[in-house]
Amino acid sequence: MTESKQTTSPALPELLRDGKLAGSWTLDVARSEIGLRSKSMWGMASVKGVFRDVTGSGTVSAAGDVAGTITVAAASVDTKNKKRDEHLRSADFFDVARTPDITFTAERVTPSGDGVTVTGTLTVRDRTHPVSFAARVSVPGEAQVELDGEIQVNRAEFGLTWSPLGSASVHNTITVHAVFTRQ
């Protein structure tokens, strides 16, 4: 069993600089999870869900620059409530018939505090906005990297404004547990 190594801000630059992480990486979909959390009913009820269909890849250059993309099939949303999931897939929310994917493109990963800051763009319903979020990184070995973080999103910025009587919060959290393996 390999012991997971939590990287800290001094360790990550060293791993990137020495070229040990350079190369192409693929999201291990069986061990990764992209989820969502939101408040509804005037903040009294929490809604949680996951996306069941996720793909992704990334690269680390010899100079230590990191870039990558994670694509989520919006129709794969699963909140364990069939009626709610169908509504989330409708034009009121994700509009999966017209815009089937949610995409995060990482443009830069920089050491920050005890982890990293991931900077990129998030595209939902054909609207793209810049996003930065803090994440923890662990490197169990030279062939695997794990990233855990939360992205705070105002869904109204992406055209997801449906809310009867203002009962649903527009402030949502996307949770990320991404496991990348070397190609």
Protein backbone atom coordinates (compact mmCIF):
# COMPACT_ATOMS: atom_id res chain seq x y z
CA MET A 1 0.00 0.00 0.00
CA THR A 2 1.40 3.37 -1.02
CA GLU A 3 1.28 6.09 1.60
CA SER A 4 -0.33 9.28 0.33
CA LYS A 5 1.99 12.26 0.43
CA GLN A 6 0.22 15.56 1.20
CA THR A 7 2.10 18.23 -0.65
CA THR A 8 2.69 21.60 0.86
CA SER A 9 3.53 24.81 -0.92
CA PRO A 10 7.31 24.18 -0.77
CA ALA A 11 7.00 20.53 -1.87
CA LEU A 12 4.79 21.10 -4.92
CA PRO A 13 7.11 23.57 -6.66
CA GLU A 14 9.96 21.11 -6.14
CA LEU A 15 7.96 18.26 -7.68
CA LEU A 16 7.00 20.46 -10.61
CA ARG A 17 10.50 21.90 -11.04
CA ASP A 18 12.36 18.60 -10.99
CA GLY A 19 10.21 17.27 -13.83
CA LYS A 20 8.87 14.26 -11.91
CA LEU A 21 5.29 15.27 -12.70
CA ALA A 22 5.92 16.35 -16.31
CA GLY A 23 3.79 14.61 -18.90
CA SER A 24 0.19 13.82 -19.78
CA TRP A 25 -2.39 12.91 -17.16
CA THR A 26 -5.87 11.38 -17.40
CA LEU A 27 -8.74 11.72 -14.94
CA ASP A 28 -9.43 8.39 -13.25
CA VAL A 29 -13.22 8.53 -13.47
CA ALA A 30 -13.74 5.53 -11.18
CA ARG A 31 -11.98 7.29 -8.29
CA SER A 32 -13.00 10.91 -9.01
CA GLU A 33 -16.17 12.75 -8.07
CA ILE A 34 -17.63 16.10 -9.06
CA GLY A 35 -20.52 17.12 -6.86
CA LEU A 36 -22.76 20.06 -6.09
CA ARG A 37 -24.33 21.57 -3.01
CA SER A 38 -27.01 24.19 -2.83
CA LYS A 39 -29.51 25.59 -0.39
CA SER A 40 -33.19 25.68 -1.28
CA MET A 41 -36.41 26.46 0.54
CA TRP A 42 -35.07 29.80 1.79
CA GLY A 43 -31.82 28.26 3.00
CA MET A 44 -33.43 25.68 5.27
CA ALA A 45 -32.90 22.60 3.09
CA SER A 46 -29.64 21.49 1.55
CA VAL A 47 -29.53 19.79 -1.84
CA LYS A 48 -26.56 17.59 -2.69
CA GLY A 49 -25.77 15.72 -5.84
CA VAL A 50 -23.06 14.26 -8.02
CA PHE A 51 -22.38 14.09 -11.72
CA ARG A 52 -22.04 10.46 -12.84
CA ASP A 53 -20.38 11.12 -16.23
CA VAL A 54 -17.08 13.00 -15.98
CA THR A 55 -13.94 13.01 -18.15
CA GLY A 56 -10.70 14.95 -17.99
CA SER A 57 -7.05 15.26 -18.82
CA GLY A 58 -4.14 17.51 -18.09
CA THR A 59 -0.50 18.19 -18.79
CA VAL A 60 2.46 19.27 -16.76
CA SER A 61 5.27 20.83 -18.77
CA ALA A 62 8.95 20.27 -18.07
CA ALA A 63 8.96 23.83 -16.68
CA GLY A 64 6.18 22.91 -14.22
CA ASP A 65 3.26 24.66 -15.93
CA VAL A 66 -0.04 22.88 -15.36
CA ALA A 67 -3.11 22.93 -17.64
CA GLY A 68 -6.09 20.67 -18.10
CA THR A 69 -9.80 20.22 -18.63
CA ILE A 70 -12.58 18.44 -16.79
CA THR A 71 -15.84 17.92 -18.68
CA VAL A 72 -19.06 16.96 -16.93
CA ALA A 73 -22.12 15.64 -18.75
CA ALA A 74 -24.82 17.86 -17.23
CA ALA A 75 -27.47 15.19 -17.88
CA SER A 76 -25.63 12.88 -15.47
CA VAL A 77 -26.67 14.94 -12.44
CA ASP A 78 -27.92 12.70 -9.63
CA THR A 79 -29.48 14.18 -6.48
CA LYS A 80 -31.31 10.94 -5.63
CA ASN A 81 -34.60 12.60 -6.58
CA LYS A 82 -35.78 11.72 -10.11
CA LYS A 83 -38.21 14.64 -10.45
CA ARG A 84 -35.61 17.18 -9.26
CA ASP A 85 -32.95 15.69 -11.56
CA GLU A 86 -35.29 15.97 -14.56
CA HIS A 87 -35.94 19.61 -13.64
CA LEU A 88 -32.20 20.29 -13.32
CA ARG A 89 -31.74 18.88 -16.85
CA SER A 90 -34.48 21.16 -18.25
CA ALA A 91 -34.13 24.62 -19.78
CA ASP A 92 -34.79 26.10 -16.31
CA PHE A 93 -31.31 24.96 -15.27
CA PHE A 94 -28.66 23.08 -17.28
CA ASP A 95 -30.65 22.90 -20.55
CA VAL A 96 -28.91 19.64 -21.49
CA ALA A 97 -30.69 19.41 -24.87
CA ARG A 98 -28.92 22.59 -25.98
CA THR A 99 -25.78 22.59 -23.80
CA PRO A 100 -24.90 19.06 -22.73
CA ASP A 101 -21.54 19.76 -21.05
CA ILE A 102 -20.17 21.74 -18.14
CA THR A 103 -16.45 22.38 -18.62
CA PHE A 104 -13.70 23.60 -16.34
CA THR A 105 -10.42 24.51 -18.04
CA ALA A 106 -7.45 24.93 -15.70
CA GLU A 107 -4.97 27.47 -16.98
CA ARG A 108 -2.67 27.67 -13.99
CA VAL A 109 -1.96 25.91 -10.70
CA THR A 110 0.14 27.84 -8.18
CA PRO A 111 1.28 26.95 -4.67
CA SER A 112 -0.71 28.78 -2.00
CA GLY A 113 -0.63 28.24 1.75
CA ASP A 114 -0.96 24.53 2.49
CA GLY A 115 -2.14 23.70 -1.03
CA VAL A 116 -2.61 25.29 -4.41
CA THR A 117 -4.77 27.85 -6.16
CA VAL A 118 -6.33 26.56 -9.36
CA THR A 119 -7.17 29.29 -11.88
CA GLY A 120 -9.15 28.81 -15.06
CA THR A 121 -12.56 29.17 -16.64
CA LEU A 122 -15.90 27.50 -15.99
CA THR A 123 -18.40 27.13 -18.82
CA VAL A 124 -22.05 26.37 -18.08
CA ARG A 125 -24.84 26.87 -20.64
CA ASP A 126 -22.41 28.49 -23.11
CA ARG A 127 -21.42 31.15 -20.57
CA THR A 128 -17.79 31.23 -19.52
CA HIS A 129 -16.46 32.97 -16.42
CA PRO A 130 -13.05 33.04 -14.74
CA VAL A 131 -12.78 30.93 -11.60
CA SER A 132 -10.10 30.47 -8.95
CA PHE A 133 -10.30 28.08 -6.03
CA ALA A 134 -8.12 26.70 -3.28
CA ALA A 135 -7.33 22.99 -3.36
CA ARG A 136 -5.33 20.37 -1.51
CA VAL A 137 -3.00 18.19 -3.54
CA SER A 138 -1.68 14.78 -2.62
CA VAL A 139 0.85 12.79 -4.60
CA PRO A 140 0.77 9.10 -3.63
CA GLY A 141 3.51 8.39 -6.18
CA GLU A 142 4.93 9.61 -9.46
CA ALA A 143 1.97 8.11 -11.37
CA GLN A 144 -0.93 9.65 -9.42
CA VAL A 145 -2.01 13.12 -8.30
CA GLU A 146 -5.16 13.88 -6.29
CA LEU A 147 -6.78 17.28 -6.06
CA ASP A 148 -9.58 18.24 -3.65
CA GLY A 149 -11.32 21.59 -3.66
CA GLU A 150 -14.55 23.54 -3.65
CA ILE A 151 -15.63 26.12 -6.20
CA GLN A 152 -18.09 28.78 -5.05
CA VAL A 153 -20.43 29.68 -7.91
CA ASN A 154 -23.25 32.17 -8.37
CA ARG A 155 -25.43 30.18 -10.76
CA ALA A 156 -27.18 33.34 -11.98
CA GLU A 157 -23.92 34.31 -13.74
CA PHE A 158 -24.46 31.25 -15.95
CA GLY A 159 -28.14 31.92 -16.69
CA LEU A 160 -29.49 29.48 -14.10
CA THR A 161 -31.93 31.87 -12.46
CA TRP A 162 -35.04 29.75 -11.87
CA SER A 163 -36.26 30.18 -8.30
CA PRO A 164 -39.95 30.18 -7.38
CA LEU A 165 -40.60 33.06 -5.00
CA GLY A 166 -36.84 33.43 -4.47
CA SER A 167 -36.74 30.19 -2.48
CA ALA A 168 -33.60 28.69 -4.06
CA SER A 169 -30.19 30.14 -3.40
CA VAL A 170 -28.09 31.24 -6.38
CA HIS A 171 -24.95 30.55 -4.32
CA ASN A 172 -23.78 27.03 -5.00
CA THR A 173 -20.72 24.93 -4.29
CA ILE A 174 -19.10 22.55 -6.76
CA THR A 175 -17.05 19.92 -4.96
CA VAL A 176 -14.07 18.35 -6.70
CA HIS A 177 -12.21 15.16 -5.90
CA ALA A 178 -10.08 14.58 -8.99
CA VAL A 179 -7.64 11.70 -9.26
CA PHE A 180 -5.26 11.96 -12.20
CA THR A 181 -3.02 9.13 -13.39
CA ARG A 182 -0.06 9.35 -15.73
CA GLN A 183 -0.75 8.27 -19.30
